[in-house]
Amino acid sequence: MEKDQLAEFLRTRRARVGPEDVGLPSGSRRRTPGLRREEVARLADMSVDYYIRMEQGRGPNPSRQILGSLARALRLSDDERTHLFNLAGEPPTPPQGPPQDVPAGIVHLLERMDDTPAYVMDAAYNVLAWNAMAAALMVDFSTLPPDDRNPIRWFFLVEGAADICPESEFYQFARESAADLRAAQGRYPHDPGIKGLLAELLEKSELFRRVWAEHDVEIRRTNRKTMTHPAVGPIELHCDVLVVPEKDQKVILYTATPGTASHEALKLLRVIGTQQMQAERSQVL
């Protein structure tokens, strides 16, 4: 393990990522560019002390899970991720589960869409990257533990979700989500994350048990969706799904028809941003 080189690489990558790149407020008291150490640690779901020791070249050998979390938190490209693993003495291996690292080009695409809510999900519906509009529309993902950044878990397990959209749309989403998750299970039969998600949904959601028993298999694609937002009310949206085939990930884009009340609501939401939305999740379907 090249501890000194690893430490220097982490420092330079941290300085390159701004807080706005990961959905955090930039503030006015930052004396140096990039993220703070505690912000990287929070995004990577690790202790601040552990990360500081890594940047100082005196930490223990990081696990593959820690390295993967750091690669996501620092928005590393595929080549940078490989370099990080090699510096740590852990050559990357082909993924046994849904890949978690989002291509840098996709992250940059999200950043440029400042009027369109957009986020990236893996095959198990875990949200891996998002832009400011997605945080304003849905939830500030940076305030949630990584395991809770999962819309399919919200949908089936959050009480009252059935009351905020037409019944036909509610059950359509339920069936499509179960069919998509079954397809993911077929691609990653041994992934513990997917196994755990399925076990939780089957145990706690009667609706999920019902649609799962239909044994439909279908990858989720473009559709229409209704959302109820606590600040701007109901919004009717086009939900477009762009597939990132080399990573088995989906980019979810929400747009509204120009000239409609929903389009005006999105424009208002852009002004509101994430103010007063910290840790408050809109009811999303």
Protein backbone atom coordinates (compact mmCIF):
# COMPACT_ATOMS: atom_id res chain seq x y z
CA MET A 1 0.00 0.00 0.00
CA GLU A 2 1.40 3.38 -1.08
CA LYS A 3 0.17 5.38 1.93
CA ASP A 4 1.87 8.68 1.07
CA GLN A 5 0.69 8.60 -2.54
CA LEU A 6 -2.79 7.55 -1.45
CA ALA A 7 -2.93 10.44 1.03
CA GLU A 8 -1.82 12.98 -1.58
CA PHE A 9 -4.28 11.60 -4.13
CA LEU A 10 -7.17 11.92 -1.66
CA ARG A 11 -6.21 15.50 -0.80
CA THR A 12 -6.04 16.58 -4.43
CA ARG A 13 -9.31 14.90 -5.34
CA ARG A 14 -11.06 16.44 -2.33
CA ALA A 15 -9.89 19.91 -3.32
CA ARG A 16 -11.36 19.39 -6.79
CA VAL A 17 -14.92 18.65 -5.64
CA GLY A 18 -17.02 21.65 -4.61
CA PRO A 19 -19.86 21.37 -2.08
CA GLU A 20 -22.36 22.32 -4.76
CA ASP A 21 -21.19 19.28 -6.78
CA VAL A 22 -22.57 16.95 -4.11
CA GLY A 23 -25.65 18.91 -3.08
CA LEU A 24 -24.13 20.65 -0.03
CA PRO A 25 -24.41 24.38 0.75
CA SER A 26 -21.25 26.24 -0.21
CA GLY A 27 -21.43 28.79 2.61
CA SER A 28 -19.24 31.89 2.83
CA ARG A 29 -16.49 30.86 5.25
CA ARG A 30 -14.53 28.38 3.17
CA ARG A 31 -10.87 29.39 3.09
CA THR A 32 -9.76 26.63 0.73
CA PRO A 33 -11.35 25.10 -2.36
CA GLY A 34 -13.15 21.78 -2.32
CA LEU A 35 -14.89 19.75 0.33
CA ARG A 36 -14.01 19.71 4.00
CA ARG A 37 -12.67 16.47 5.45
CA GLU A 38 -15.78 15.99 7.56
CA GLU A 39 -17.96 16.39 4.47
CA VAL A 40 -16.07 13.68 2.61
CA ALA A 41 -16.34 11.41 5.65
CA ARG A 42 -20.10 11.96 5.87
CA LEU A 43 -20.62 11.34 2.15
CA ALA A 44 -18.53 8.17 2.38
CA ASP A 45 -20.33 7.03 5.57
CA MET A 46 -17.13 6.73 7.58
CA SER A 47 -15.70 8.40 10.69
CA VAL A 48 -13.99 11.77 10.34
CA ASP A 49 -10.99 10.56 12.34
CA TYR A 50 -10.50 7.56 10.03
CA TYR A 51 -10.57 9.76 6.93
CA ILE A 52 -8.19 12.34 8.43
CA ARG A 53 -5.67 9.59 9.22
CA MET A 54 -5.91 8.36 5.63
CA GLU A 55 -5.15 11.85 4.32
CA GLN A 56 -2.19 12.04 6.70
CA GLY A 57 -0.80 8.74 5.44
CA ARG A 58 -1.06 6.99 8.79
CA GLY A 59 -4.35 5.13 8.60
CA PRO A 60 -4.88 1.37 8.38
CA ASN A 61 -5.33 -0.36 5.06
CA PRO A 62 -8.83 0.60 3.87
CA SER A 63 -11.27 -2.11 2.91
CA ARG A 64 -12.71 -2.42 -0.58
CA GLN A 65 -16.02 -1.11 0.76
CA ILE A 66 -14.32 2.02 2.14
CA LEU A 67 -12.49 2.58 -1.15
CA GLY A 68 -15.71 2.28 -3.12
CA SER A 69 -17.45 4.74 -0.80
CA LEU A 70 -14.58 7.23 -1.17
CA ALA A 71 -14.67 6.89 -4.95
CA ARG A 72 -18.36 7.80 -4.94
CA ALA A 73 -17.96 10.65 -2.43
CA LEU A 74 -15.10 12.20 -4.41
CA ARG A 75 -16.85 11.70 -7.77
CA LEU A 76 -13.89 9.78 -9.19
CA SER A 77 -13.81 8.75 -12.82
CA ASP A 78 -13.38 5.10 -13.75
CA ASP A 79 -9.63 5.58 -14.25
CA GLU A 80 -9.28 7.48 -10.95
CA ARG A 81 -11.23 4.80 -9.12
CA THR A 82 -8.92 2.10 -10.49
CA HIS A 83 -5.90 4.20 -9.43
CA LEU A 84 -7.32 4.62 -5.91
CA PHE A 85 -7.75 0.86 -5.52
CA ASN A 86 -4.26 0.20 -6.85
CA LEU A 87 -2.69 2.71 -4.44
CA ALA A 88 -4.42 0.93 -1.58
CA GLY A 89 -3.11 -2.45 -2.74
CA GLU A 90 -6.59 -3.63 -3.71
CA PRO A 91 -6.77 -4.06 -7.50
CA PRO A 92 -10.41 -3.61 -8.52
CA THR A 93 -12.34 -6.70 -9.50
CA PRO A 94 -15.44 -7.04 -11.65
CA PRO A 95 -18.53 -6.08 -9.62
CA GLN A 96 -20.50 -8.90 -8.04
CA GLY A 97 -23.40 -6.50 -7.48
CA PRO A 98 -24.73 -3.31 -9.09
CA PRO A 99 -21.83 -0.91 -9.78
CA GLN A 100 -21.84 2.08 -7.44
CA ASP A 101 -19.42 4.46 -9.17
CA VAL A 102 -21.14 6.98 -11.45
CA PRO A 103 -19.20 7.97 -14.59
CA ALA A 104 -17.78 11.49 -14.35
CA GLY A 105 -19.52 12.52 -17.57
CA ILE A 106 -22.90 11.62 -16.07
CA VAL A 107 -22.15 13.63 -12.93
CA HIS A 108 -21.21 16.63 -15.07
CA LEU A 109 -24.43 16.21 -17.03
CA LEU A 110 -26.47 16.42 -13.81
CA GLU A 111 -24.62 19.56 -12.78
CA ARG A 112 -25.41 21.34 -16.04
CA MET A 113 -29.16 20.67 -15.80
CA ASP A 114 -29.98 23.43 -13.33
CA ASP A 115 -33.69 23.56 -14.27
CA THR A 116 -34.37 19.80 -14.50
CA PRO A 117 -34.56 17.43 -11.53
CA ALA A 118 -32.26 14.51 -12.29
CA TYR A 119 -30.61 11.72 -10.36
CA VAL A 120 -28.79 8.42 -10.94
CA MET A 121 -29.93 5.05 -9.55
CA ASP A 122 -28.25 1.68 -9.55
CA ALA A 123 -30.10 -1.53 -10.36
CA ALA A 124 -31.35 -1.80 -6.77
CA TYR A 125 -32.89 1.72 -6.83
CA ASN A 126 -30.16 3.24 -4.65
CA VAL A 127 -29.68 6.91 -5.53
CA LEU A 128 -25.97 7.45 -6.23
CA ALA A 129 -25.84 11.02 -7.57
CA TRP A 130 -28.27 13.91 -7.92
CA ASN A 131 -28.49 17.58 -8.78
CA ALA A 132 -29.87 20.51 -6.77
CA MET A 133 -33.27 20.37 -8.48
CA ALA A 134 -33.70 16.70 -7.57
CA ALA A 135 -32.90 17.57 -3.95
CA ALA A 136 -35.50 20.36 -4.05
CA LEU A 137 -38.15 18.15 -5.65
CA MET A 138 -37.63 14.99 -3.61
CA VAL A 139 -35.29 15.25 -0.61
CA ASP A 140 -31.81 16.52 0.23
CA PHE A 141 -30.17 13.13 -0.26
CA SER A 142 -26.98 14.27 1.47
CA THR A 143 -28.88 14.36 4.79
CA LEU A 144 -29.88 10.70 4.51
CA PRO A 145 -27.82 7.60 5.31
CA PRO A 146 -26.83 5.85 2.05
CA ASP A 147 -29.13 2.90 2.78
CA ASP A 148 -32.12 5.24 2.97
CA ARG A 149 -31.56 6.84 -0.44
CA ASN A 150 -33.88 4.36 -2.09
CA PRO A 151 -37.18 5.49 -3.69
CA ILE A 152 -38.58 1.97 -3.98
CA ARG A 153 -38.19 1.51 -0.22
CA TRP A 154 -39.95 4.84 0.37
CA PHE A 155 -42.76 3.90 -1.97
CA PHE A 156 -43.64 0.57 -0.40
CA LEU A 157 -42.82 1.35 3.23
CA VAL A 158 -43.74 5.01 3.84
CA GLU A 159 -47.20 5.24 5.38
CA GLY A 160 -49.76 7.18 3.34
CA ALA A 161 -48.01 6.89 -0.03
CA ALA A 162 -51.21 5.55 -1.63
CA ASP A 163 -53.13 8.74 -0.81
CA ILE A 164 -51.18 11.17 -2.98
CA CYS A 165 -51.74 10.04 -6.55
CA PRO A 166 -54.44 8.44 -8.71
CA GLU A 167 -54.99 4.79 -7.87
CA SER A 168 -54.16 3.64 -11.40
CA GLU A 169 -50.80 5.41 -11.28
CA PHE A 170 -50.01 4.06 -7.84
CA TYR A 171 -50.48 0.40 -8.79
CA GLN A 172 -48.78 0.88 -12.13
CA PHE A 173 -45.65 2.12 -10.39
CA ALA A 174 -45.86 -0.73 -7.89
CA ARG A 175 -46.00 -3.35 -10.63
CA GLU A 176 -43.28 -1.71 -12.73
CA SER A 177 -40.95 -1.38 -9.75
CA ALA A 178 -41.38 -5.02 -8.72
CA ALA A 179 -40.83 -6.19 -12.31
CA ASP A 180 -37.69 -4.06 -12.62
CA LEU A 181 -36.34 -5.28 -9.29
CA ARG A 182 -36.93 -8.90 -10.35
CA ALA A 183 -34.87 -8.27 -13.49
CA ALA A 184 -32.08 -6.86 -11.29
CA GLN A 185 -32.26 -9.92 -9.05
CA GLY A 186 -31.69 -12.07 -12.12
CA ARG A 187 -28.58 -10.10 -13.07
CA TYR A 188 -27.15 -10.07 -9.53
CA PRO A 189 -28.50 -13.21 -7.78
CA HIS A 190 -25.87 -13.13 -5.03
CA ASP A 191 -25.83 -9.41 -4.24
CA PRO A 192 -26.53 -8.94 -0.50
CA GLY A 193 -27.99 -5.46 -1.05
CA ILE A 194 -30.70 -6.70 -3.38
CA LYS A 195 -31.35 -9.73 -1.18
CA GLY A 196 -31.74 -7.48 1.86
CA LEU A 197 -34.05 -5.07 0.06
CA LEU A 198 -36.28 -7.89 -1.17
CA ALA A 199 -36.43 -9.48 2.27
CA GLU A 200 -37.43 -6.18 3.86
CA LEU A 201 -40.12 -5.41 1.28
CA LEU A 202 -41.57 -8.93 1.39
CA GLU A 203 -41.71 -8.84 5.16
CA LYS A 204 -43.17 -5.34 5.61
CA SER A 205 -45.28 -4.57 2.53
CA GLU A 206 -48.44 -6.48 1.64
CA LEU A 207 -48.63 -4.53 -1.63
CA PHE A 208 -45.12 -5.59 -2.60
CA ARG A 209 -45.89 -9.23 -1.79
CA ARG A 210 -48.92 -9.00 -4.06
CA VAL A 211 -47.13 -7.52 -7.09
CA TRP A 212 -44.00 -9.67 -6.55
CA ALA A 213 -46.15 -12.78 -6.74
CA GLU A 214 -47.10 -11.85 -10.32
CA HIS A 215 -43.52 -12.70 -11.40
CA ASP A 216 -43.42 -9.94 -14.03
CA VAL A 217 -39.98 -9.07 -15.38
CA GLU A 218 -39.48 -5.75 -17.14
CA ILE A 219 -36.79 -3.07 -17.05
CA ARG A 220 -38.26 0.29 -16.07
CA ARG A 221 -38.53 2.84 -18.86
CA THR A 222 -40.09 6.21 -19.59
CA ASN A 223 -43.52 7.03 -18.13
CA ARG A 224 -45.59 9.82 -16.61
CA LYS A 225 -45.68 10.55 -12.92
CA THR A 226 -47.57 12.68 -10.40
CA MET A 227 -45.78 14.10 -7.38
CA THR A 228 -47.12 16.09 -4.47
CA HIS A 229 -44.56 18.57 -3.16
CA PRO A 230 -45.03 20.24 0.26
CA ALA A 231 -44.21 23.71 -1.12
CA VAL A 232 -45.62 23.81 -4.66
CA GLY A 233 -48.34 21.15 -4.55
CA PRO A 234 -49.18 18.52 -7.21
CA ILE A 235 -46.90 18.35 -10.25
CA GLU A 236 -47.51 16.25 -13.36
CA LEU A 237 -44.21 15.24 -14.88
CA HIS A 238 -42.66 13.31 -17.74
CA CYS A 239 -40.28 10.76 -16.25
CA ASP A 240 -37.58 9.88 -18.78
CA VAL A 241 -35.13 7.09 -18.06
CA LEU A 242 -31.70 7.12 -19.72
CA VAL A 243 -29.71 3.91 -19.35
CA VAL A 244 -25.96 3.88 -18.66
CA PRO A 245 -25.32 0.35 -19.96
CA GLU A 246 -21.67 -0.04 -18.94
CA LYS A 247 -22.63 0.66 -15.32
CA ASP A 248 -26.14 -0.82 -15.30
CA GLN A 249 -27.43 2.50 -13.97
CA LYS A 250 -30.36 4.75 -14.84
CA VAL A 251 -30.47 8.53 -15.13
CA ILE A 252 -33.96 9.70 -14.12
CA LEU A 253 -35.08 13.05 -15.58
CA TYR A 254 -38.26 14.93 -14.65
CA THR A 255 -39.70 17.53 -17.01
CA ALA A 256 -43.06 19.27 -17.37
CA THR A 257 -44.92 20.41 -20.49
CA PRO A 258 -44.15 24.11 -21.14
CA GLY A 259 -47.03 26.43 -20.44
CA THR A 260 -48.68 24.16 -17.87
CA ALA A 261 -49.17 24.74 -14.15
CA SER A 262 -46.67 21.95 -13.49
CA HIS A 263 -44.04 23.74 -15.58
CA GLU A 264 -44.59 26.89 -13.53
CA ALA A 265 -44.33 24.84 -10.35
CA LEU A 266 -40.94 23.51 -11.42
CA LYS A 267 -39.74 27.05 -12.12
CA LEU A 268 -40.89 28.11 -8.67
CA LEU A 269 -39.15 25.12 -7.16
CA ARG A 270 -35.92 26.20 -8.81
CA VAL A 271 -36.18 29.52 -6.95
CA ILE A 272 -37.06 27.88 -3.65
CA GLY A 273 -34.24 25.35 -3.95
CA THR A 274 -33.62 23.23 -0.89
CA GLN A 275 -34.47 26.00 1.58
CA GLN A 276 -36.75 24.72 4.32
CA MET A 277 -36.48 21.25 2.73
CA GLN A 278 -33.62 19.92 4.82
CA ALA A 279 -34.50 16.36 5.81
CA GLU A 280 -38.11 16.81 4.57
CA ARG A 281 -39.10 14.30 1.93
CA SER A 282 -41.86 15.06 -0.55
CA GLN A 283 -44.29 12.23 -1.16
CA VAL A 284 -42.86 10.76 -4.36
CA LEU A 285 -44.55 8.31 -6.72
